[in-house]
């Protein structure tokens, strides 16, 4: 049941209407507030602050969190809205997906040439792939791989598993 939840601490100030739940993020359960993006946004979060996970029942979800150094805990806020919903736009073309990648941190797990860095530039875009500057390296992604990163936060590629944060 949605209720007003007020935060008055060193990192969060404001009231959101939501429901206290347990969600699965970062490999385990976390206490969180389930709320629409418009409520979470009131606390100063941006779409790029998100991480991917799920509700206890497996429903995909986006989470936003802030570390509270005074209370030594994370404050978690969760929405089941998609990234495209909270961005307010559909990422349809390879150009749209490539532009969305700028500023995101990408980690490639496995493979011969691991990448761990922020996407800082688009080096080229074709109809079905884009090449980026990421962590001092070139990173080429197919449009299907970028779509998986938008939708799930992860993508399987020939270079290894990509994770975005």
N, C-alpha and C. Protein backbone atom coordinates (compact mmCIF):
# COMPACT_ATOMS: atom_id res chain seq x y z
N UNK A 1 0.83 -1.18 0.00
CA UNK A 1 0.00 0.00 0.00
C UNK A 1 0.88 1.25 0.00
N UNK A 2 0.59 2.16 -0.92
CA UNK A 2 1.38 3.39 -0.99
C UNK A 2 1.07 4.29 0.18
N UNK A 3 2.15 4.84 0.72
CA UNK A 3 2.02 5.75 1.86
C UNK A 3 3.07 6.85 1.70
N UNK A 4 2.85 8.01 2.31
CA UNK A 4 3.90 9.03 2.26
C UNK A 4 5.07 8.62 3.16
N UNK A 5 6.26 8.67 2.61
CA UNK A 5 7.46 8.33 3.37
C UNK A 5 8.38 9.55 3.29
N UNK A 6 8.71 10.09 4.45
CA UNK A 6 9.50 11.33 4.51
C UNK A 6 10.94 11.02 4.89
N UNK A 7 11.86 11.68 4.20
CA UNK A 7 13.29 11.54 4.46
C UNK A 7 13.85 12.90 4.84
N UNK A 8 14.49 12.97 5.97
CA UNK A 8 15.17 14.17 6.43
C UNK A 8 16.50 13.74 7.01
N UNK A 9 17.49 13.56 6.14
CA UNK A 9 18.82 13.18 6.61
C UNK A 9 19.86 13.90 5.77
N UNK A 10 21.12 13.56 5.94
CA UNK A 10 22.20 14.30 5.27
C UNK A 10 22.22 14.10 3.75
N UNK A 11 21.60 13.05 3.24
CA UNK A 11 21.66 12.79 1.80
C UNK A 11 20.31 12.87 1.09
N UNK A 12 19.21 12.78 1.82
CA UNK A 12 17.88 12.81 1.21
C UNK A 12 16.96 13.74 2.00
N UNK A 13 16.26 14.59 1.26
CA UNK A 13 15.28 15.45 1.90
C UNK A 13 14.04 15.47 1.02
N UNK A 14 12.90 15.10 1.58
CA UNK A 14 11.66 15.12 0.82
C UNK A 14 10.75 13.97 1.20
N UNK A 15 9.58 13.98 0.57
CA UNK A 15 8.57 12.96 0.81
C UNK A 15 8.22 12.29 -0.51
N UNK A 16 8.16 10.96 -0.51
CA UNK A 16 7.72 10.21 -1.68
C UNK A 16 6.55 9.32 -1.28
N UNK A 17 5.68 9.06 -2.23
CA UNK A 17 4.59 8.12 -1.99
C UNK A 17 5.02 6.78 -2.57
N UNK A 18 5.13 5.79 -1.69
CA UNK A 18 5.60 4.48 -2.12
C UNK A 18 5.27 3.41 -1.12
N UNK A 19 5.87 2.26 -1.34
CA UNK A 19 5.62 1.09 -0.50
C UNK A 19 6.95 0.49 -0.10
N UNK A 20 7.12 0.16 1.16
CA UNK A 20 8.36 -0.46 1.63
C UNK A 20 8.34 -1.94 1.22
N UNK A 21 9.42 -2.36 0.55
CA UNK A 21 9.51 -3.74 0.05
C UNK A 21 10.94 -4.26 0.23
N UNK A 22 11.13 -5.53 -0.13
CA UNK A 22 12.46 -6.11 -0.26
C UNK A 22 12.64 -6.41 -1.75
N UNK A 23 13.76 -5.98 -2.32
CA UNK A 23 14.05 -6.21 -3.74
C UNK A 23 15.42 -6.87 -3.86
N UNK A 24 15.72 -7.38 -5.05
CA UNK A 24 16.99 -8.07 -5.30
C UNK A 24 17.90 -7.19 -6.15
N UNK A 25 18.95 -6.65 -5.53
CA UNK A 25 19.93 -5.83 -6.24
C UNK A 25 21.30 -6.16 -5.71
N UNK A 26 22.29 -6.03 -6.56
CA UNK A 26 23.68 -6.30 -6.20
C UNK A 26 23.86 -7.70 -5.61
N UNK A 27 23.10 -8.65 -6.13
CA UNK A 27 23.27 -10.03 -5.74
C UNK A 27 22.57 -10.47 -4.47
N UNK A 28 21.75 -9.61 -3.89
CA UNK A 28 21.06 -10.00 -2.67
C UNK A 28 19.87 -9.12 -2.37
N UNK A 29 19.15 -9.44 -1.31
CA UNK A 29 17.97 -8.65 -0.96
C UNK A 29 18.36 -7.32 -0.31
N UNK A 30 17.60 -6.27 -0.65
CA UNK A 30 17.78 -4.96 -0.03
C UNK A 30 16.42 -4.41 0.35
N UNK A 31 16.37 -3.69 1.46
CA UNK A 31 15.15 -2.98 1.83
C UNK A 31 15.05 -1.75 0.94
N UNK A 32 13.87 -1.51 0.39
CA UNK A 32 13.71 -0.42 -0.58
C UNK A 32 12.31 0.17 -0.49
N UNK A 33 12.16 1.30 -1.16
CA UNK A 33 10.85 1.91 -1.33
C UNK A 33 10.49 1.74 -2.80
N UNK A 34 9.37 1.06 -3.08
CA UNK A 34 8.85 0.89 -4.43
C UNK A 34 7.96 2.09 -4.73
N UNK A 35 8.31 2.83 -5.77
CA UNK A 35 7.56 4.05 -6.10
C UNK A 35 7.68 4.33 -7.59
N UNK A 36 6.77 5.12 -8.14
CA UNK A 36 6.90 5.54 -9.53
C UNK A 36 8.13 6.45 -9.71
N UNK A 37 8.67 6.49 -10.91
CA UNK A 37 9.83 7.32 -11.20
C UNK A 37 9.59 8.78 -10.81
N UNK A 38 8.42 9.30 -11.06
CA UNK A 38 8.15 10.71 -10.73
C UNK A 38 8.34 10.99 -9.24
N UNK A 39 8.06 10.02 -8.39
CA UNK A 39 8.28 10.18 -6.94
C UNK A 39 9.77 10.10 -6.61
N UNK A 40 10.46 9.12 -7.20
CA UNK A 40 11.89 8.93 -6.95
C UNK A 40 12.68 10.16 -7.41
N UNK A 41 12.27 10.70 -8.52
CA UNK A 41 12.92 11.89 -9.10
C UNK A 41 12.89 13.09 -8.15
N UNK A 42 11.86 13.19 -7.33
CA UNK A 42 11.73 14.30 -6.37
C UNK A 42 12.90 14.36 -5.40
N UNK A 43 13.57 13.23 -5.20
CA UNK A 43 14.69 13.17 -4.26
C UNK A 43 16.03 13.51 -4.93
N UNK A 44 15.98 13.93 -6.19
CA UNK A 44 17.19 14.38 -6.87
C UNK A 44 17.91 13.33 -7.70
N UNK A 45 17.29 12.18 -7.90
CA UNK A 45 17.92 11.15 -8.72
C UNK A 45 17.75 11.47 -10.20
N UNK A 46 18.71 11.02 -11.00
CA UNK A 46 18.68 11.16 -12.45
C UNK A 46 18.61 9.76 -13.07
N UNK A 47 18.12 9.63 -14.32
CA UNK A 47 18.07 8.31 -14.95
C UNK A 47 19.41 7.59 -14.96
N UNK A 48 20.51 8.29 -15.10
CA UNK A 48 21.84 7.66 -15.14
C UNK A 48 22.25 7.08 -13.78
N UNK A 49 21.54 7.41 -12.71
CA UNK A 49 21.87 6.91 -11.38
C UNK A 49 21.37 5.48 -11.15
N UNK A 50 20.72 4.90 -12.13
CA UNK A 50 20.04 3.63 -11.94
C UNK A 50 20.98 2.44 -11.97
N UNK A 51 20.49 1.34 -11.37
CA UNK A 51 21.11 0.04 -11.50
C UNK A 51 19.99 -0.95 -11.80
N UNK A 52 20.32 -2.11 -12.31
CA UNK A 52 19.31 -3.09 -12.71
C UNK A 52 19.19 -4.20 -11.68
N UNK A 53 17.97 -4.71 -11.51
CA UNK A 53 17.72 -5.81 -10.60
C UNK A 53 16.29 -6.27 -10.77
N UNK A 54 15.70 -6.76 -9.67
CA UNK A 54 14.33 -7.26 -9.75
C UNK A 54 13.63 -7.17 -8.40
N UNK A 55 12.31 -7.28 -8.47
CA UNK A 55 11.53 -7.42 -7.26
C UNK A 55 11.67 -8.87 -6.79
N UNK A 56 11.18 -9.17 -5.62
CA UNK A 56 11.27 -10.54 -5.08
C UNK A 56 10.62 -11.56 -6.00
N UNK A 57 9.55 -11.16 -6.73
CA UNK A 57 8.86 -12.10 -7.61
C UNK A 57 9.52 -12.25 -8.98
N UNK A 58 10.67 -11.58 -9.19
CA UNK A 58 11.39 -11.67 -10.45
C UNK A 58 11.07 -10.57 -11.45
N UNK A 59 10.12 -9.69 -11.15
CA UNK A 59 9.79 -8.59 -12.04
C UNK A 59 11.01 -7.68 -12.21
N UNK A 60 11.44 -7.42 -13.45
CA UNK A 60 12.59 -6.54 -13.66
C UNK A 60 12.31 -5.15 -13.08
N UNK A 61 13.34 -4.55 -12.52
CA UNK A 61 13.18 -3.24 -11.90
C UNK A 61 14.47 -2.43 -12.01
N UNK A 62 14.31 -1.13 -11.90
CA UNK A 62 15.44 -0.22 -11.83
C UNK A 62 15.52 0.29 -10.40
N UNK A 63 16.73 0.43 -9.89
CA UNK A 63 16.91 0.92 -8.52
C UNK A 63 17.82 2.13 -8.52
N UNK A 64 17.59 2.98 -7.54
CA UNK A 64 18.39 4.18 -7.33
C UNK A 64 18.77 4.17 -5.87
N UNK A 65 20.03 4.48 -5.57
CA UNK A 65 20.41 4.45 -4.16
C UNK A 65 21.36 5.57 -3.80
N UNK A 66 21.39 5.89 -2.53
CA UNK A 66 22.32 6.87 -1.97
C UNK A 66 22.90 6.30 -0.69
N UNK A 67 24.20 6.45 -0.54
CA UNK A 67 24.89 6.05 0.68
C UNK A 67 24.73 7.16 1.70
N UNK A 68 24.34 6.80 2.91
CA UNK A 68 24.22 7.74 4.02
C UNK A 68 25.39 7.50 4.97
N UNK A 69 26.43 8.36 4.93
CA UNK A 69 27.60 8.13 5.76
C UNK A 69 27.32 8.26 7.25
N UNK A 70 26.32 9.04 7.63
CA UNK A 70 26.00 9.19 9.05
C UNK A 70 25.34 7.94 9.62
N UNK A 71 24.47 7.31 8.82
CA UNK A 71 23.77 6.11 9.29
C UNK A 71 24.42 4.82 8.79
N UNK A 72 25.47 4.95 8.00
CA UNK A 72 26.20 3.79 7.46
C UNK A 72 25.26 2.80 6.77
N UNK A 73 24.46 3.32 5.85
CA UNK A 73 23.53 2.48 5.11
C UNK A 73 23.21 3.10 3.77
N UNK A 74 22.73 2.25 2.86
CA UNK A 74 22.21 2.72 1.57
C UNK A 74 20.71 2.92 1.69
N UNK A 75 20.21 3.96 1.06
CA UNK A 75 18.76 4.16 0.91
C UNK A 75 18.43 3.76 -0.52
N UNK A 76 17.53 2.79 -0.69
CA UNK A 76 17.18 2.25 -2.00
C UNK A 76 15.76 2.64 -2.39
N UNK A 77 15.60 3.00 -3.68
CA UNK A 77 14.30 3.33 -4.26
C UNK A 77 14.18 2.55 -5.56
N UNK A 78 13.04 1.91 -5.77
CA UNK A 78 12.86 0.97 -6.88
C UNK A 78 11.62 1.34 -7.68
N UNK A 79 11.72 1.21 -9.01
CA UNK A 79 10.57 1.37 -9.89
C UNK A 79 10.55 0.22 -10.89
N UNK A 80 9.36 -0.18 -11.30
CA UNK A 80 9.24 -1.22 -12.33
C UNK A 80 9.08 -0.60 -13.72
N UNK A 81 9.15 0.72 -13.80
CA UNK A 81 9.09 1.38 -15.10
C UNK A 81 10.40 1.09 -15.86
N UNK A 82 10.32 1.05 -17.18
CA UNK A 82 11.52 0.77 -17.99
C UNK A 82 12.38 2.03 -18.09
N UNK A 83 13.62 1.84 -18.49
CA UNK A 83 14.51 2.98 -18.68
C UNK A 83 13.95 3.93 -19.73
N UNK A 84 13.40 3.38 -20.81
CA UNK A 84 12.80 4.24 -21.84
C UNK A 84 11.62 5.03 -21.29
N UNK A 85 10.85 4.43 -20.38
CA UNK A 85 9.73 5.16 -19.76
C UNK A 85 10.24 6.35 -18.96
N UNK A 86 11.28 6.14 -18.16
CA UNK A 86 11.74 7.24 -17.32
C UNK A 86 12.51 8.28 -18.13
N UNK A 87 13.12 7.87 -19.24
CA UNK A 87 13.77 8.85 -20.11
C UNK A 87 12.74 9.66 -20.89
N UNK A 88 11.54 9.09 -21.06
CA UNK A 88 10.50 9.77 -21.82
C UNK A 88 10.74 9.72 -23.31
N UNK A 89 11.52 8.76 -23.76
CA UNK A 89 11.76 8.63 -25.19
C UNK A 89 12.03 7.17 -25.52
N UNK A 90 11.74 6.82 -26.75
CA UNK A 90 12.05 5.49 -27.23
C UNK A 90 13.40 5.53 -27.92
N UNK A 91 14.24 4.59 -27.58
CA UNK A 91 15.56 4.48 -28.20
C UNK A 91 15.41 3.51 -29.36
N UNK A 92 15.12 4.05 -30.55
CA UNK A 92 14.76 3.19 -31.68
C UNK A 92 15.91 2.92 -32.63
N UNK A 93 16.68 3.94 -32.93
CA UNK A 93 17.72 3.77 -33.94
C UNK A 93 19.07 3.49 -33.30
N UNK A 94 20.01 3.06 -34.12
CA UNK A 94 21.38 2.85 -33.62
C UNK A 94 21.95 4.18 -33.12
N UNK A 95 21.62 5.29 -33.78
CA UNK A 95 22.07 6.62 -33.32
C UNK A 95 21.53 6.92 -31.92
N UNK A 96 20.23 6.65 -31.70
CA UNK A 96 19.63 6.88 -30.38
C UNK A 96 20.36 6.07 -29.31
N UNK A 97 20.59 4.78 -29.61
CA UNK A 97 21.27 3.91 -28.65
C UNK A 97 22.70 4.37 -28.40
N UNK A 98 23.40 4.77 -29.46
CA UNK A 98 24.78 5.24 -29.31
C UNK A 98 24.84 6.50 -28.45
N UNK A 99 23.95 7.43 -28.68
CA UNK A 99 23.93 8.66 -27.88
C UNK A 99 23.62 8.36 -26.42
N UNK A 100 22.76 7.37 -26.17
CA UNK A 100 22.44 6.99 -24.80
C UNK A 100 23.66 6.40 -24.08
N UNK A 101 24.55 5.75 -24.81
CA UNK A 101 25.73 5.10 -24.21
C UNK A 101 26.72 6.11 -23.62
N UNK A 102 26.77 7.33 -24.15
CA UNK A 102 27.73 8.33 -23.68
C UNK A 102 27.51 8.59 -22.19
N UNK A 103 28.60 8.53 -21.43
CA UNK A 103 28.55 8.79 -20.00
C UNK A 103 28.28 7.56 -19.14
N UNK A 104 27.92 6.46 -19.76
CA UNK A 104 27.70 5.22 -19.01
C UNK A 104 29.02 4.50 -18.77
N UNK A 105 29.14 3.86 -17.61
CA UNK A 105 30.32 3.04 -17.31
C UNK A 105 30.05 1.62 -17.81
N UNK A 106 31.00 1.06 -18.55
CA UNK A 106 30.86 -0.27 -19.12
C UNK A 106 31.98 -1.16 -18.59
N UNK A 107 31.62 -2.35 -18.21
CA UNK A 107 32.58 -3.35 -17.75
C UNK A 107 32.40 -4.59 -18.61
N UNK A 108 33.49 -5.07 -19.22
CA UNK A 108 33.43 -6.29 -20.00
C UNK A 108 34.06 -7.38 -19.14
N UNK A 109 33.28 -8.38 -18.80
CA UNK A 109 33.75 -9.50 -17.98
C UNK A 109 34.19 -10.63 -18.90
N UNK A 110 35.39 -11.12 -18.70
CA UNK A 110 35.91 -12.19 -19.55
C UNK A 110 36.50 -11.62 -20.81
N UNK A 111 36.93 -12.48 -21.67
CA UNK A 111 37.52 -12.04 -22.92
C UNK A 111 39.00 -11.71 -22.76
N UNK A 112 39.68 -11.54 -23.87
CA UNK A 112 41.13 -11.28 -23.84
C UNK A 112 41.45 -9.84 -23.46
N UNK A 113 40.58 -8.90 -23.82
CA UNK A 113 40.87 -7.50 -23.61
C UNK A 113 39.79 -6.88 -22.73
N UNK A 114 39.90 -7.01 -21.41
CA UNK A 114 38.86 -6.47 -20.55
C UNK A 114 38.76 -4.95 -20.67
N UNK A 115 37.57 -4.46 -20.59
CA UNK A 115 37.32 -3.02 -20.63
C UNK A 115 36.60 -2.64 -19.35
N UNK A 116 37.03 -1.58 -18.73
CA UNK A 116 36.35 -1.05 -17.56
C UNK A 116 36.52 0.46 -17.63
N UNK A 117 35.48 1.13 -18.08
CA UNK A 117 35.60 2.58 -18.20
C UNK A 117 34.31 3.23 -18.62
N UNK A 118 34.36 4.53 -18.70
CA UNK A 118 33.20 5.32 -19.09
C UNK A 118 33.25 5.58 -20.59
N UNK A 119 32.10 5.45 -21.24
CA UNK A 119 32.00 5.74 -22.67
C UNK A 119 32.10 7.25 -22.83
N UNK A 120 33.17 7.71 -23.49
CA UNK A 120 33.42 9.15 -23.58
C UNK A 120 33.18 9.72 -24.97
N UNK A 121 33.17 8.87 -25.99
CA UNK A 121 32.99 9.40 -27.35
C UNK A 121 32.42 8.33 -28.27
N UNK A 122 31.68 8.79 -29.26
CA UNK A 122 31.21 7.93 -30.34
C UNK A 122 32.21 8.11 -31.48
N UNK A 123 32.85 7.02 -31.89
CA UNK A 123 33.84 7.09 -32.95
C UNK A 123 33.23 6.83 -34.32
N UNK A 124 32.08 6.16 -34.35
CA UNK A 124 31.41 5.90 -35.61
C UNK A 124 30.12 5.14 -35.40
N UNK A 125 29.15 5.37 -36.29
CA UNK A 125 27.86 4.69 -36.21
C UNK A 125 27.47 4.26 -37.61
N UNK A 126 27.08 2.98 -37.74
CA UNK A 126 26.51 2.48 -38.99
C UNK A 126 25.06 2.09 -38.68
N UNK A 127 24.43 1.46 -39.63
CA UNK A 127 23.02 1.11 -39.44
C UNK A 127 22.81 0.15 -38.27
N UNK A 128 23.77 -0.77 -38.04
CA UNK A 128 23.55 -1.80 -37.03
C UNK A 128 24.64 -1.92 -35.97
N UNK A 129 25.57 -0.97 -35.91
CA UNK A 129 26.58 -1.01 -34.86
C UNK A 129 27.17 0.38 -34.63
N UNK A 130 27.84 0.50 -33.49
CA UNK A 130 28.51 1.76 -33.15
C UNK A 130 29.84 1.44 -32.50
N UNK A 131 30.80 2.34 -32.68
CA UNK A 131 32.12 2.21 -32.08
C UNK A 131 32.33 3.39 -31.13
N UNK A 132 32.84 3.07 -29.93
CA UNK A 132 33.00 4.07 -28.88
C UNK A 132 34.42 4.11 -28.37
N UNK A 133 34.77 5.21 -27.72
CA UNK A 133 35.98 5.31 -26.90
C UNK A 133 35.51 5.01 -25.48
N UNK A 134 36.11 3.99 -24.86
CA UNK A 134 35.69 3.55 -23.52
C UNK A 134 36.91 3.08 -22.74
N UNK A 135 37.22 3.75 -21.65
CA UNK A 135 38.35 3.34 -20.81
C UNK A 135 39.66 3.29 -21.56
N UNK A 136 39.88 4.22 -22.50
CA UNK A 136 41.11 4.25 -23.27
C UNK A 136 41.17 3.23 -24.40
N UNK A 137 40.08 2.51 -24.63
CA UNK A 137 40.03 1.49 -25.69
C UNK A 137 38.87 1.79 -26.64
N UNK A 138 38.92 1.12 -27.78
CA UNK A 138 37.79 1.16 -28.71
C UNK A 138 36.85 0.04 -28.34
N UNK A 139 35.57 0.32 -28.35
CA UNK A 139 34.55 -0.69 -28.04
C UNK A 139 33.50 -0.65 -29.13
N UNK A 140 33.34 -1.75 -29.86
CA UNK A 140 32.35 -1.84 -30.94
C UNK A 140 31.17 -2.68 -30.44
N UNK A 141 29.97 -2.14 -30.58
CA UNK A 141 28.76 -2.84 -30.13
C UNK A 141 27.74 -2.90 -31.25
N UNK A 142 27.08 -4.04 -31.37
CA UNK A 142 25.95 -4.17 -32.29
C UNK A 142 24.74 -3.48 -31.67
N UNK A 143 23.78 -3.11 -32.52
CA UNK A 143 22.57 -2.48 -32.00
C UNK A 143 21.82 -3.41 -31.05
N UNK A 144 21.86 -4.73 -31.30
CA UNK A 144 21.17 -5.67 -30.41
C UNK A 144 21.83 -5.72 -29.04
N UNK A 145 23.16 -5.57 -29.00
CA UNK A 145 23.88 -5.56 -27.73
C UNK A 145 23.54 -4.29 -26.94
N UNK A 146 23.48 -3.15 -27.64
CA UNK A 146 23.11 -1.90 -26.96
C UNK A 146 21.67 -1.98 -26.44
N UNK A 147 20.78 -2.59 -27.22
CA UNK A 147 19.38 -2.74 -26.80
C UNK A 147 19.31 -3.58 -25.52
N UNK A 148 20.09 -4.68 -25.44
CA UNK A 148 20.12 -5.49 -24.22
C UNK A 148 20.65 -4.68 -23.04
N UNK A 149 21.65 -3.82 -23.27
CA UNK A 149 22.17 -2.99 -22.18
C UNK A 149 21.10 -2.03 -21.67
N UNK A 150 20.31 -1.45 -22.58
CA UNK A 150 19.23 -0.55 -22.18
C UNK A 150 18.17 -1.31 -21.40
N UNK A 151 17.76 -2.47 -21.92
CA UNK A 151 16.64 -3.20 -21.33
C UNK A 151 17.00 -3.99 -20.07
N UNK A 152 18.22 -4.56 -20.03
CA UNK A 152 18.56 -5.49 -18.95
C UNK A 152 19.78 -5.08 -18.14
N UNK A 153 20.57 -4.13 -18.65
CA UNK A 153 21.79 -3.74 -17.96
C UNK A 153 22.97 -4.66 -18.22
N UNK A 154 22.76 -5.65 -19.08
CA UNK A 154 23.81 -6.61 -19.41
C UNK A 154 23.60 -7.12 -20.83
N UNK A 155 24.68 -7.56 -21.47
CA UNK A 155 24.58 -8.12 -22.81
C UNK A 155 25.69 -9.14 -23.01
N UNK A 156 25.35 -10.24 -23.66
CA UNK A 156 26.35 -11.25 -24.02
C UNK A 156 26.91 -10.89 -25.39
N UNK A 157 28.25 -10.84 -25.49
CA UNK A 157 28.90 -10.50 -26.75
C UNK A 157 30.03 -11.49 -27.00
N UNK A 158 30.58 -11.52 -28.22
CA UNK A 158 31.74 -12.38 -28.49
C UNK A 158 32.95 -12.02 -27.62
N UNK A 159 33.02 -10.77 -27.14
CA UNK A 159 34.13 -10.32 -26.30
C UNK A 159 33.95 -10.67 -24.84
N UNK A 160 32.78 -11.13 -24.45
CA UNK A 160 32.49 -11.42 -23.06
C UNK A 160 31.16 -10.78 -22.67
N UNK A 161 30.86 -10.87 -21.40
CA UNK A 161 29.60 -10.31 -20.90
C UNK A 161 29.82 -8.83 -20.55
N UNK A 162 28.98 -7.96 -21.12
CA UNK A 162 29.03 -6.53 -20.83
C UNK A 162 28.04 -6.20 -19.73
N UNK A 163 28.47 -5.37 -18.82
CA UNK A 163 27.62 -4.89 -17.74
C UNK A 163 27.71 -3.37 -17.75
N UNK A 164 26.58 -2.71 -17.59
CA UNK A 164 26.57 -1.25 -17.61
C UNK A 164 26.12 -0.72 -16.27
N UNK A 165 26.72 0.36 -15.84
CA UNK A 165 26.29 0.97 -14.57
C UNK A 165 26.35 2.48 -14.68
